[in-house]
Amino acid sequence: MSDWAADIRKLFQKINKDVLTAVFAVVAFYIVLSILGIGCPIKWVTGISCAGCGMTRAYLSLLHLDIKHAFIYHPLFWSVPFILLIIVLRMAGRVPTRTANYVKYLTAFLFLIVYVVRLLDPEDIIVVAKIQEGLIWKAIYTVREIFA
């Protein structure tokens, strides 16, 4: 067995039940939200799309081999598996910490740029700011109506 494969095997042996439980809990939480018709909890609460808005639809498009729509839904959909690979390789000792951090910060910066551009584009129907549709706005409006 190669050194690389042995390093990866050791890495996966280090992953404990807590990490797997946390991942399962997050996935289960989003499945419940989806079943309830909520979708993104950030958008549901604030009325503003998050920086990852469109990512699920991008991956669903990719599963249908519709790369054009995957890019339309979120132009950085490709970066998530890339970052996960960098993290795994860093944990296995195959990528220097400085390089991994540089890639993570660069990706975060790209997400921020794409998010701001899409948020400011009135033609963009994926990333939107409809504060009046958020739970916070509705709660404030309801309280104001009660005490007015």
N, C-alpha and C. Protein backbone atom coordinates (compact mmCIF):
# COMPACT_ATOMS: atom_id res chain seq x y z
N MET A 1 0.85 -1.17 0.00
CA MET A 1 0.00 0.00 0.00
C MET A 1 0.90 1.23 0.00
N SER A 2 0.50 2.24 -0.77
CA SER A 2 1.31 3.45 -0.86
C SER A 2 1.21 4.25 0.44
N ASP A 3 2.20 5.13 0.64
CA ASP A 3 2.20 5.99 1.82
C ASP A 3 0.98 6.88 1.86
N TRP A 4 0.58 7.38 0.68
CA TRP A 4 -0.57 8.27 0.59
C TRP A 4 -1.83 7.56 1.06
N ALA A 5 -2.06 6.35 0.59
CA ALA A 5 -3.25 5.59 0.98
C ALA A 5 -3.22 5.27 2.47
N ALA A 6 -2.06 4.97 3.00
CA ALA A 6 -1.93 4.69 4.44
C ALA A 6 -2.23 5.93 5.26
N ASP A 7 -1.77 7.09 4.79
CA ASP A 7 -2.06 8.34 5.50
C ASP A 7 -3.56 8.63 5.51
N ILE A 8 -4.21 8.40 4.40
CA ILE A 8 -5.66 8.64 4.31
C ILE A 8 -6.40 7.68 5.22
N ARG A 9 -5.98 6.42 5.25
CA ARG A 9 -6.63 5.43 6.13
C ARG A 9 -6.48 5.84 7.59
N LYS A 10 -5.29 6.28 7.99
CA LYS A 10 -5.08 6.74 9.37
C LYS A 10 -5.97 7.93 9.69
N LEU A 11 -6.10 8.82 8.72
CA LEU A 11 -6.94 10.00 8.93
C LEU A 11 -8.39 9.59 9.22
N PHE A 12 -8.93 8.70 8.41
CA PHE A 12 -10.32 8.29 8.61
C PHE A 12 -10.49 7.48 9.90
N GLN A 13 -9.45 6.83 10.36
CA GLN A 13 -9.51 6.13 11.63
C GLN A 13 -9.57 7.12 12.79
N LYS A 14 -9.04 8.35 12.58
CA LYS A 14 -9.06 9.37 13.62
C LYS A 14 -10.44 10.01 13.79
N ILE A 15 -11.23 9.96 12.74
CA ILE A 15 -12.54 10.60 12.83
C ILE A 15 -13.37 9.85 13.86
N ASN A 16 -13.87 10.59 14.85
CA ASN A 16 -14.59 9.94 15.93
C ASN A 16 -16.10 10.01 15.75
N LYS A 17 -16.79 9.36 16.64
CA LYS A 17 -18.25 9.31 16.57
C LYS A 17 -18.88 10.69 16.69
N ASP A 18 -18.27 11.59 17.44
CA ASP A 18 -18.84 12.93 17.61
C ASP A 18 -18.94 13.66 16.28
N VAL A 19 -17.91 13.57 15.45
CA VAL A 19 -17.93 14.23 14.15
C VAL A 19 -19.02 13.62 13.28
N LEU A 20 -19.08 12.30 13.24
CA LEU A 20 -20.10 11.64 12.43
C LEU A 20 -21.50 11.96 12.94
N THR A 21 -21.67 12.04 14.24
CA THR A 21 -22.96 12.39 14.83
C THR A 21 -23.35 13.81 14.45
N ALA A 22 -22.41 14.73 14.50
CA ALA A 22 -22.68 16.12 14.14
C ALA A 22 -23.08 16.24 12.67
N VAL A 23 -22.36 15.54 11.80
CA VAL A 23 -22.69 15.57 10.37
C VAL A 23 -24.09 15.00 10.15
N PHE A 24 -24.39 13.88 10.79
CA PHE A 24 -25.71 13.28 10.66
C PHE A 24 -26.80 14.22 11.17
N ALA A 25 -26.54 14.90 12.28
CA ALA A 25 -27.53 15.82 12.86
C ALA A 25 -27.81 16.99 11.91
N VAL A 26 -26.77 17.53 11.30
CA VAL A 26 -26.95 18.65 10.37
C VAL A 26 -27.74 18.20 9.15
N VAL A 27 -27.39 17.04 8.60
CA VAL A 27 -28.12 16.52 7.45
C VAL A 27 -29.58 16.27 7.80
N ALA A 28 -29.82 15.66 8.95
CA ALA A 28 -31.20 15.39 9.38
C ALA A 28 -31.97 16.70 9.57
N PHE A 29 -31.32 17.71 10.15
CA PHE A 29 -31.94 19.01 10.36
C PHE A 29 -32.39 19.62 9.02
N TYR A 30 -31.53 19.58 8.02
CA TYR A 30 -31.88 20.15 6.73
C TYR A 30 -32.94 19.32 6.01
N ILE A 31 -32.96 18.03 6.22
CA ILE A 31 -34.03 17.21 5.65
C ILE A 31 -35.37 17.60 6.26
N VAL A 32 -35.40 17.79 7.57
CA VAL A 32 -36.63 18.21 8.25
C VAL A 32 -37.07 19.57 7.74
N LEU A 33 -36.13 20.52 7.62
CA LEU A 33 -36.47 21.85 7.10
C LEU A 33 -37.04 21.75 5.69
N SER A 34 -36.45 20.90 4.89
CA SER A 34 -36.93 20.73 3.52
C SER A 34 -38.34 20.16 3.50
N ILE A 35 -38.59 19.17 4.35
CA ILE A 35 -39.92 18.57 4.42
C ILE A 35 -40.96 19.61 4.87
N LEU A 36 -40.57 20.49 5.79
CA LEU A 36 -41.47 21.53 6.28
C LEU A 36 -41.63 22.69 5.30
N GLY A 37 -40.87 22.65 4.21
CA GLY A 37 -40.95 23.70 3.20
C GLY A 37 -40.17 24.96 3.55
N ILE A 38 -39.29 24.88 4.53
CA ILE A 38 -38.53 26.04 4.97
C ILE A 38 -37.31 26.26 4.09
N GLY A 39 -36.63 25.21 3.72
CA GLY A 39 -35.43 25.35 2.91
C GLY A 39 -34.29 25.92 3.73
N CYS A 40 -33.81 27.08 3.35
CA CYS A 40 -32.69 27.72 4.03
C CYS A 40 -33.17 28.41 5.30
N PRO A 41 -32.64 28.02 6.46
CA PRO A 41 -33.09 28.67 7.70
C PRO A 41 -32.69 30.14 7.79
N ILE A 42 -31.59 30.51 7.19
CA ILE A 42 -31.14 31.91 7.22
C ILE A 42 -32.13 32.78 6.45
N LYS A 43 -32.49 32.34 5.26
CA LYS A 43 -33.45 33.10 4.46
C LYS A 43 -34.82 33.11 5.12
N TRP A 44 -35.21 32.02 5.74
CA TRP A 44 -36.51 31.93 6.40
C TRP A 44 -36.59 32.93 7.56
N VAL A 45 -35.51 33.05 8.31
CA VAL A 45 -35.50 33.94 9.47
C VAL A 45 -35.31 35.40 9.06
N THR A 46 -34.37 35.68 8.15
CA THR A 46 -34.03 37.06 7.82
C THR A 46 -34.70 37.59 6.56
N GLY A 47 -35.05 36.71 5.64
CA GLY A 47 -35.58 37.15 4.34
C GLY A 47 -34.47 37.45 3.35
N ILE A 48 -33.23 37.22 3.75
CA ILE A 48 -32.07 37.49 2.90
C ILE A 48 -31.37 36.17 2.60
N SER A 49 -31.10 35.93 1.33
CA SER A 49 -30.39 34.71 0.92
C SER A 49 -29.00 34.69 1.54
N CYS A 50 -28.49 33.49 1.80
CA CYS A 50 -27.14 33.37 2.34
C CYS A 50 -26.14 33.24 1.20
N ALA A 51 -24.86 33.26 1.54
CA ALA A 51 -23.80 33.19 0.53
C ALA A 51 -23.78 31.86 -0.22
N GLY A 52 -24.36 30.83 0.36
CA GLY A 52 -24.40 29.53 -0.29
C GLY A 52 -25.69 29.27 -1.05
N CYS A 53 -26.52 30.31 -1.15
CA CYS A 53 -27.82 30.14 -1.81
C CYS A 53 -27.64 29.68 -3.26
N GLY A 54 -28.35 28.65 -3.61
CA GLY A 54 -28.28 28.08 -4.95
C GLY A 54 -27.37 26.87 -5.04
N MET A 55 -26.62 26.60 -3.96
CA MET A 55 -25.66 25.51 -3.99
C MET A 55 -26.33 24.14 -4.17
N THR A 56 -27.42 23.90 -3.44
CA THR A 56 -28.11 22.61 -3.57
C THR A 56 -28.64 22.44 -4.98
N ARG A 57 -29.25 23.49 -5.51
CA ARG A 57 -29.78 23.42 -6.88
C ARG A 57 -28.65 23.24 -7.89
N ALA A 58 -27.49 23.82 -7.61
CA ALA A 58 -26.34 23.65 -8.49
C ALA A 58 -25.91 22.18 -8.54
N TYR A 59 -25.86 21.54 -7.36
CA TYR A 59 -25.47 20.13 -7.33
C TYR A 59 -26.53 19.23 -7.96
N LEU A 60 -27.80 19.57 -7.78
CA LEU A 60 -28.86 18.80 -8.44
C LEU A 60 -28.74 18.93 -9.96
N SER A 61 -28.43 20.12 -10.43
CA SER A 61 -28.20 20.31 -11.87
C SER A 61 -26.99 19.51 -12.34
N LEU A 62 -25.95 19.52 -11.54
CA LEU A 62 -24.75 18.77 -11.89
C LEU A 62 -25.04 17.27 -11.97
N LEU A 63 -25.88 16.77 -11.06
CA LEU A 63 -26.27 15.35 -11.11
C LEU A 63 -27.00 15.02 -12.41
N HIS A 64 -27.67 16.01 -12.98
CA HIS A 64 -28.36 15.82 -14.26
C HIS A 64 -27.44 16.19 -15.43
N LEU A 65 -26.16 16.41 -15.12
CA LEU A 65 -25.13 16.78 -16.11
C LEU A 65 -25.45 18.10 -16.80
N ASP A 66 -26.16 18.98 -16.12
CA ASP A 66 -26.50 20.30 -16.62
C ASP A 66 -25.56 21.32 -16.00
N ILE A 67 -24.36 21.37 -16.54
CA ILE A 67 -23.31 22.21 -15.96
C ILE A 67 -23.64 23.70 -16.10
N LYS A 68 -24.29 24.07 -17.19
CA LYS A 68 -24.67 25.47 -17.40
C LYS A 68 -25.54 25.98 -16.24
N HIS A 69 -26.59 25.23 -15.91
CA HIS A 69 -27.46 25.66 -14.83
C HIS A 69 -26.79 25.53 -13.46
N ALA A 70 -25.88 24.60 -13.32
CA ALA A 70 -25.13 24.49 -12.07
C ALA A 70 -24.38 25.80 -11.82
N PHE A 71 -23.74 26.33 -12.86
CA PHE A 71 -23.03 27.61 -12.72
C PHE A 71 -23.99 28.76 -12.49
N ILE A 72 -25.16 28.70 -13.09
CA ILE A 72 -26.15 29.77 -12.90
C ILE A 72 -26.64 29.77 -11.45
N TYR A 73 -26.92 28.59 -10.90
CA TYR A 73 -27.40 28.52 -9.53
C TYR A 73 -26.34 28.97 -8.52
N HIS A 74 -25.11 28.53 -8.71
CA HIS A 74 -24.02 29.03 -7.87
C HIS A 74 -22.70 28.81 -8.60
N PRO A 75 -22.05 29.91 -9.02
CA PRO A 75 -20.83 29.77 -9.81
C PRO A 75 -19.65 29.15 -9.07
N LEU A 76 -19.74 29.01 -7.75
CA LEU A 76 -18.64 28.42 -6.99
C LEU A 76 -18.98 27.02 -6.47
N PHE A 77 -19.92 26.35 -7.10
CA PHE A 77 -20.31 25.01 -6.64
C PHE A 77 -19.12 24.04 -6.66
N TRP A 78 -18.22 24.22 -7.59
CA TRP A 78 -17.05 23.35 -7.73
C TRP A 78 -16.07 23.49 -6.57
N SER A 79 -16.14 24.62 -5.85
CA SER A 79 -15.14 24.88 -4.82
C SER A 79 -15.33 24.05 -3.56
N VAL A 80 -16.55 23.62 -3.28
CA VAL A 80 -16.80 22.88 -2.04
C VAL A 80 -16.06 21.54 -2.02
N PRO A 81 -16.20 20.69 -3.06
CA PRO A 81 -15.42 19.45 -3.03
C PRO A 81 -13.91 19.70 -3.05
N PHE A 82 -13.51 20.76 -3.73
CA PHE A 82 -12.08 21.11 -3.78
C PHE A 82 -11.57 21.46 -2.38
N ILE A 83 -12.32 22.27 -1.65
CA ILE A 83 -11.93 22.64 -0.28
C ILE A 83 -11.91 21.41 0.63
N LEU A 84 -12.93 20.55 0.49
CA LEU A 84 -12.94 19.32 1.30
C LEU A 84 -11.72 18.46 1.02
N LEU A 85 -11.33 18.37 -0.24
CA LEU A 85 -10.13 17.62 -0.61
C LEU A 85 -8.89 18.25 0.01
N ILE A 86 -8.79 19.56 -0.04
CA ILE A 86 -7.65 20.26 0.57
C ILE A 86 -7.60 19.98 2.07
N ILE A 87 -8.77 20.02 2.73
CA ILE A 87 -8.81 19.77 4.17
C ILE A 87 -8.36 18.35 4.49
N VAL A 88 -8.85 17.38 3.74
CA VAL A 88 -8.46 15.98 3.96
C VAL A 88 -6.96 15.80 3.72
N LEU A 89 -6.47 16.37 2.63
CA LEU A 89 -5.04 16.25 2.34
C LEU A 89 -4.19 16.97 3.39
N ARG A 90 -4.72 18.08 3.94
CA ARG A 90 -3.99 18.78 5.01
C ARG A 90 -3.94 17.92 6.26
N MET A 91 -5.08 17.31 6.59
CA MET A 91 -5.12 16.47 7.79
C MET A 91 -4.23 15.24 7.63
N ALA A 92 -4.06 14.79 6.39
CA ALA A 92 -3.19 13.64 6.12
C ALA A 92 -1.73 14.05 6.02
N GLY A 93 -1.46 15.35 6.10
CA GLY A 93 -0.09 15.82 6.04
C GLY A 93 0.45 15.97 4.64
N ARG A 94 -0.41 15.96 3.64
CA ARG A 94 0.02 16.05 2.24
C ARG A 94 0.00 17.47 1.68
N VAL A 95 -0.65 18.39 2.40
CA VAL A 95 -0.70 19.79 1.98
C VAL A 95 -0.26 20.63 3.18
N PRO A 96 0.67 21.54 2.98
CA PRO A 96 1.12 22.39 4.09
C PRO A 96 -0.03 23.25 4.64
N THR A 97 0.02 23.52 5.92
CA THR A 97 -1.02 24.33 6.58
C THR A 97 -1.16 25.68 5.91
N ARG A 98 -0.06 26.31 5.59
CA ARG A 98 -0.10 27.63 4.97
C ARG A 98 -0.83 27.59 3.64
N THR A 99 -0.57 26.59 2.83
CA THR A 99 -1.24 26.45 1.54
C THR A 99 -2.73 26.21 1.74
N ALA A 100 -3.08 25.32 2.67
CA ALA A 100 -4.50 25.02 2.94
C ALA A 100 -5.22 26.27 3.40
N ASN A 101 -4.60 27.04 4.30
CA ASN A 101 -5.22 28.28 4.77
C ASN A 101 -5.39 29.28 3.64
N TYR A 102 -4.38 29.41 2.79
CA TYR A 102 -4.46 30.32 1.66
C TYR A 102 -5.64 29.95 0.76
N VAL A 103 -5.79 28.67 0.46
CA VAL A 103 -6.89 28.22 -0.40
C VAL A 103 -8.23 28.49 0.28
N LYS A 104 -8.34 28.22 1.57
CA LYS A 104 -9.60 28.46 2.30
C LYS A 104 -9.96 29.94 2.31
N TYR A 105 -8.98 30.80 2.61
CA TYR A 105 -9.26 32.24 2.65
C TYR A 105 -9.60 32.79 1.27
N LEU A 106 -8.91 32.32 0.26
CA LEU A 106 -9.20 32.75 -1.11
C LEU A 106 -10.62 32.35 -1.50
N THR A 107 -11.00 31.13 -1.15
CA THR A 107 -12.36 30.66 -1.47
C THR A 107 -13.40 31.46 -0.71
N ALA A 108 -13.16 31.76 0.56
CA ALA A 108 -14.09 32.58 1.33
C ALA A 108 -14.23 33.97 0.71
N PHE A 109 -13.12 34.54 0.27
CA PHE A 109 -13.15 35.85 -0.39
C PHE A 109 -13.97 35.78 -1.68
N LEU A 110 -13.76 34.72 -2.46
CA LEU A 110 -14.54 34.56 -3.70
C LEU A 110 -16.03 34.43 -3.39
N PHE A 111 -16.37 33.68 -2.34
CA PHE A 111 -17.78 33.55 -1.95
C PHE A 111 -18.36 34.92 -1.59
N LEU A 112 -17.59 35.72 -0.86
CA LEU A 112 -18.05 37.05 -0.47
C LEU A 112 -18.29 37.93 -1.70
N ILE A 113 -17.35 37.92 -2.63
CA ILE A 113 -17.48 38.73 -3.85
C ILE A 113 -18.71 38.29 -4.65
N VAL A 114 -18.84 36.99 -4.87
CA VAL A 114 -20.00 36.48 -5.63
C VAL A 114 -21.29 36.83 -4.92
N TYR A 115 -21.31 36.71 -3.60
CA TYR A 115 -22.51 37.00 -2.82
C TYR A 115 -22.92 38.46 -2.96
N VAL A 116 -21.98 39.37 -2.77
CA VAL A 116 -22.30 40.79 -2.86
C VAL A 116 -22.76 41.17 -4.26
N VAL A 117 -22.06 40.68 -5.27
CA VAL A 117 -22.45 40.99 -6.66
C VAL A 117 -23.85 40.48 -6.94
N ARG A 118 -24.16 39.26 -6.51
CA ARG A 118 -25.48 38.69 -6.77
C ARG A 118 -26.56 39.38 -5.94
N LEU A 119 -26.24 39.77 -4.73
CA LEU A 119 -27.20 40.46 -3.87
C LEU A 119 -27.55 41.84 -4.44
N LEU A 120 -26.58 42.51 -5.03
CA LEU A 120 -26.81 43.84 -5.59
C LEU A 120 -27.41 43.82 -6.99
N ASP A 121 -27.44 42.66 -7.62
CA ASP A 121 -27.99 42.54 -8.98
C ASP A 121 -29.51 42.36 -8.91
N PRO A 122 -30.27 43.37 -9.35
CA PRO A 122 -31.74 43.25 -9.28
C PRO A 122 -32.30 42.18 -10.21
N GLU A 123 -31.52 41.74 -11.18
CA GLU A 123 -31.96 40.71 -12.11
C GLU A 123 -31.78 39.29 -11.56
N ASP A 124 -30.95 39.15 -10.52
CA ASP A 124 -30.66 37.84 -9.95
C ASP A 124 -31.87 37.34 -9.16
N ILE A 125 -32.37 36.17 -9.54
CA ILE A 125 -33.53 35.61 -8.84
C ILE A 125 -33.13 34.54 -7.83
N ILE A 126 -31.85 34.21 -7.76
CA ILE A 126 -31.38 33.19 -6.82
C ILE A 126 -31.08 33.84 -5.47
N VAL A 127 -30.23 34.84 -5.47
CA VAL A 127 -29.85 35.54 -4.24
C VAL A 127 -30.70 36.81 -4.15
N VAL A 128 -31.55 36.85 -3.14
CA VAL A 128 -32.48 37.98 -3.01
C VAL A 128 -32.50 38.50 -1.57
N ALA A 129 -32.93 39.74 -1.44
CA ALA A 129 -33.12 40.34 -0.12
C ALA A 129 -34.57 40.80 -0.03
N LYS A 130 -35.40 39.95 0.54
CA LYS A 130 -36.82 40.27 0.74
C LYS A 130 -37.09 40.20 2.23
N ILE A 131 -36.65 41.25 2.91
CA ILE A 131 -36.69 41.29 4.37
C ILE A 131 -38.12 41.12 4.89
N GLN A 132 -39.11 41.62 4.15
CA GLN A 132 -40.50 41.53 4.59
C GLN A 132 -41.00 40.09 4.62
N GLU A 133 -40.30 39.18 3.97
CA GLU A 133 -40.70 37.78 3.96
C GLU A 133 -40.04 36.97 5.09
N GLY A 134 -39.12 37.60 5.81
CA GLY A 134 -38.40 36.91 6.88
C GLY A 134 -39.19 36.87 8.17
N LEU A 135 -38.90 35.88 8.98
CA LEU A 135 -39.57 35.69 10.26
C LEU A 135 -39.37 36.88 11.20
N ILE A 136 -38.19 37.45 11.21
CA ILE A 136 -37.91 38.59 12.09
C ILE A 136 -38.83 39.76 11.75
N TRP A 137 -38.90 40.09 10.46
CA TRP A 137 -39.76 41.20 10.04
C TRP A 137 -41.22 40.91 10.41
N LYS A 138 -41.66 39.71 10.15
CA LYS A 138 -43.05 39.36 10.45
C LYS A 138 -43.33 39.45 11.95
N ALA A 139 -42.37 39.01 12.76
CA ALA A 139 -42.55 39.08 14.21
C ALA A 139 -42.61 40.53 14.68
N ILE A 140 -41.71 41.37 14.17
CA ILE A 140 -41.71 42.78 14.55
C ILE A 140 -43.01 43.45 14.11
N TYR A 141 -43.44 43.15 12.90
CA TYR A 141 -44.67 43.72 12.38
C TYR A 141 -45.88 43.28 13.23
N THR A 142 -45.92 42.02 13.61
CA THR A 142 -47.02 41.50 14.42
C THR A 142 -47.04 42.16 15.80
N VAL A 143 -45.88 42.27 16.43
CA VAL A 143 -45.79 42.92 17.75
C VAL A 143 -46.21 44.39 17.63
N ARG A 144 -45.78 45.04 16.59
CA ARG A 144 -46.14 46.44 16.38
C ARG A 144 -47.65 46.61 16.19
N GLU A 145 -48.25 45.68 15.47
CA GLU A 145 -49.70 45.71 15.27
C GLU A 145 -50.47 45.47 16.57
N ILE A 146 -49.94 44.60 17.39
CA ILE A 146 -50.61 44.28 18.66
C ILE A 146 -50.60 45.49 19.60
N PHE A 147 -49.44 46.19 19.66
CA PHE A 147 -49.29 47.31 20.58
C PHE A 147 -49.61 48.67 19.99
N ALA A 148 -50.01 48.70 18.74
CA ALA A 148 -50.32 49.99 18.10
C ALA A 148 -51.70 50.47 18.42
